Amino acid sequence: SAAELTTYTFAALDSWAWDRDQGRRPGETPQEFVVRLGTEFEPLDEPGFKLAGLVARVQYSRGPLPADAKDALATVWR
């Protein structure tokens, strides 16, 4: 599902960041994390921001993710 892909993609991004000594810090929200990553790795700025929005929706909303969620996730992977 798009929700599972969102969770998996966020975990993969965190793992990728740890490999570059930029992993998610204790207490750092997904939004804060991707903003920091986007500063360090500019190509991740917009895709990361969209990913953080999807993560927030998965964690805090009961509604479905937007129809274009999988497209946004594919951008992060590229």
Protein backbone atom coordinates (compact mmCIF):
# COMPACT_ATOMS: atom_id res chain seq x y z
CA SER A 1 0.00 0.00 0.00
CA ALA A 2 1.03 3.63 -0.34
CA ALA A 3 1.16 3.93 3.46
CA GLU A 4 3.56 0.96 3.74
CA LEU A 5 5.70 2.36 0.93
CA THR A 6 5.82 5.71 2.70
CA THR A 7 7.00 4.15 5.96
CA TYR A 8 9.56 2.00 4.11
CA THR A 9 10.84 4.94 2.05
CA PHE A 10 11.27 7.11 5.13
CA ALA A 11 13.20 4.35 6.91
CA ALA A 12 15.37 3.88 3.81
CA LEU A 13 16.07 7.62 3.67
CA ASP A 14 17.11 7.57 7.31
CA SER A 15 19.40 4.61 6.65
CA TRP A 16 20.89 6.40 3.63
CA ALA A 17 21.43 9.48 5.79
CA TRP A 18 23.16 7.45 8.53
CA ASP A 19 25.60 6.15 5.91
CA ARG A 20 26.52 9.81 5.38
CA ASP A 21 26.66 10.72 9.10
CA GLN A 22 23.39 12.65 8.77
CA GLY A 23 20.90 10.21 10.35
CA ARG A 24 17.78 11.34 12.14
CA ARG A 25 18.59 12.78 15.54
CA PRO A 26 16.72 11.90 18.75
CA GLY A 27 13.62 14.05 19.04
CA GLU A 28 13.90 15.28 15.46
CA THR A 29 10.56 15.28 13.66
CA PRO A 30 10.35 13.89 10.12
CA GLN A 31 9.87 17.46 8.89
CA GLU A 32 12.96 18.74 10.73
CA PHE A 33 14.96 15.77 9.48
CA VAL A 34 14.16 16.29 5.81
CA VAL A 35 14.70 20.05 6.02
CA ARG A 36 18.16 19.41 7.43
CA LEU A 37 18.87 16.78 4.77
CA GLY A 38 17.67 19.13 2.04
CA THR A 39 20.17 21.70 3.27
CA GLU A 40 23.01 19.18 3.09
CA PHE A 41 21.83 17.37 -0.06
CA GLU A 42 19.93 19.90 -2.19
CA PRO A 43 18.36 17.37 -4.61
CA LEU A 44 16.47 15.92 -1.61
CA ASP A 45 14.94 19.25 -0.62
CA GLU A 46 11.57 19.09 -2.40
CA PRO A 47 11.15 15.29 -2.53
CA GLY A 48 12.08 15.04 1.14
CA PHE A 49 9.58 17.71 2.09
CA LYS A 50 6.82 15.82 0.25
CA LEU A 51 7.90 12.58 1.93
CA ALA A 52 7.68 14.19 5.39
CA GLY A 53 4.15 15.32 4.58
CA LEU A 54 3.18 11.79 3.61
CA VAL A 55 4.78 10.41 6.79
CA ALA A 56 2.72 12.86 8.86
CA ARG A 57 -0.45 11.77 7.10
CA VAL A 58 0.35 8.09 7.67
CA GLN A 59 1.04 8.70 11.35
CA TYR A 60 -1.71 11.18 12.22
CA SER A 61 -4.53 10.92 9.67
CA ARG A 62 -7.17 8.29 9.17
CA GLY A 63 -7.81 9.37 5.62
CA PRO A 64 -6.14 7.93 2.55
CA LEU A 65 -2.96 9.31 1.09
CA PRO A 66 -3.29 11.47 -2.03
CA ALA A 67 -3.57 9.71 -5.37
CA ASP A 68 -0.11 10.92 -6.39
CA ALA A 69 1.62 9.58 -3.25
CA LYS A 70 3.41 6.78 -5.11
CA ASP A 71 4.72 9.28 -7.66
CA ALA A 72 6.12 11.43 -4.85
CA LEU A 73 7.79 8.36 -3.33
CA ALA A 74 9.31 7.40 -6.68
CA THR A 75 10.90 10.86 -6.84
CA VAL A 76 12.63 10.27 -3.50
CA TRP A 77 14.06 6.98 -4.78
CA ARG A 78 15.39 8.64 -7.93
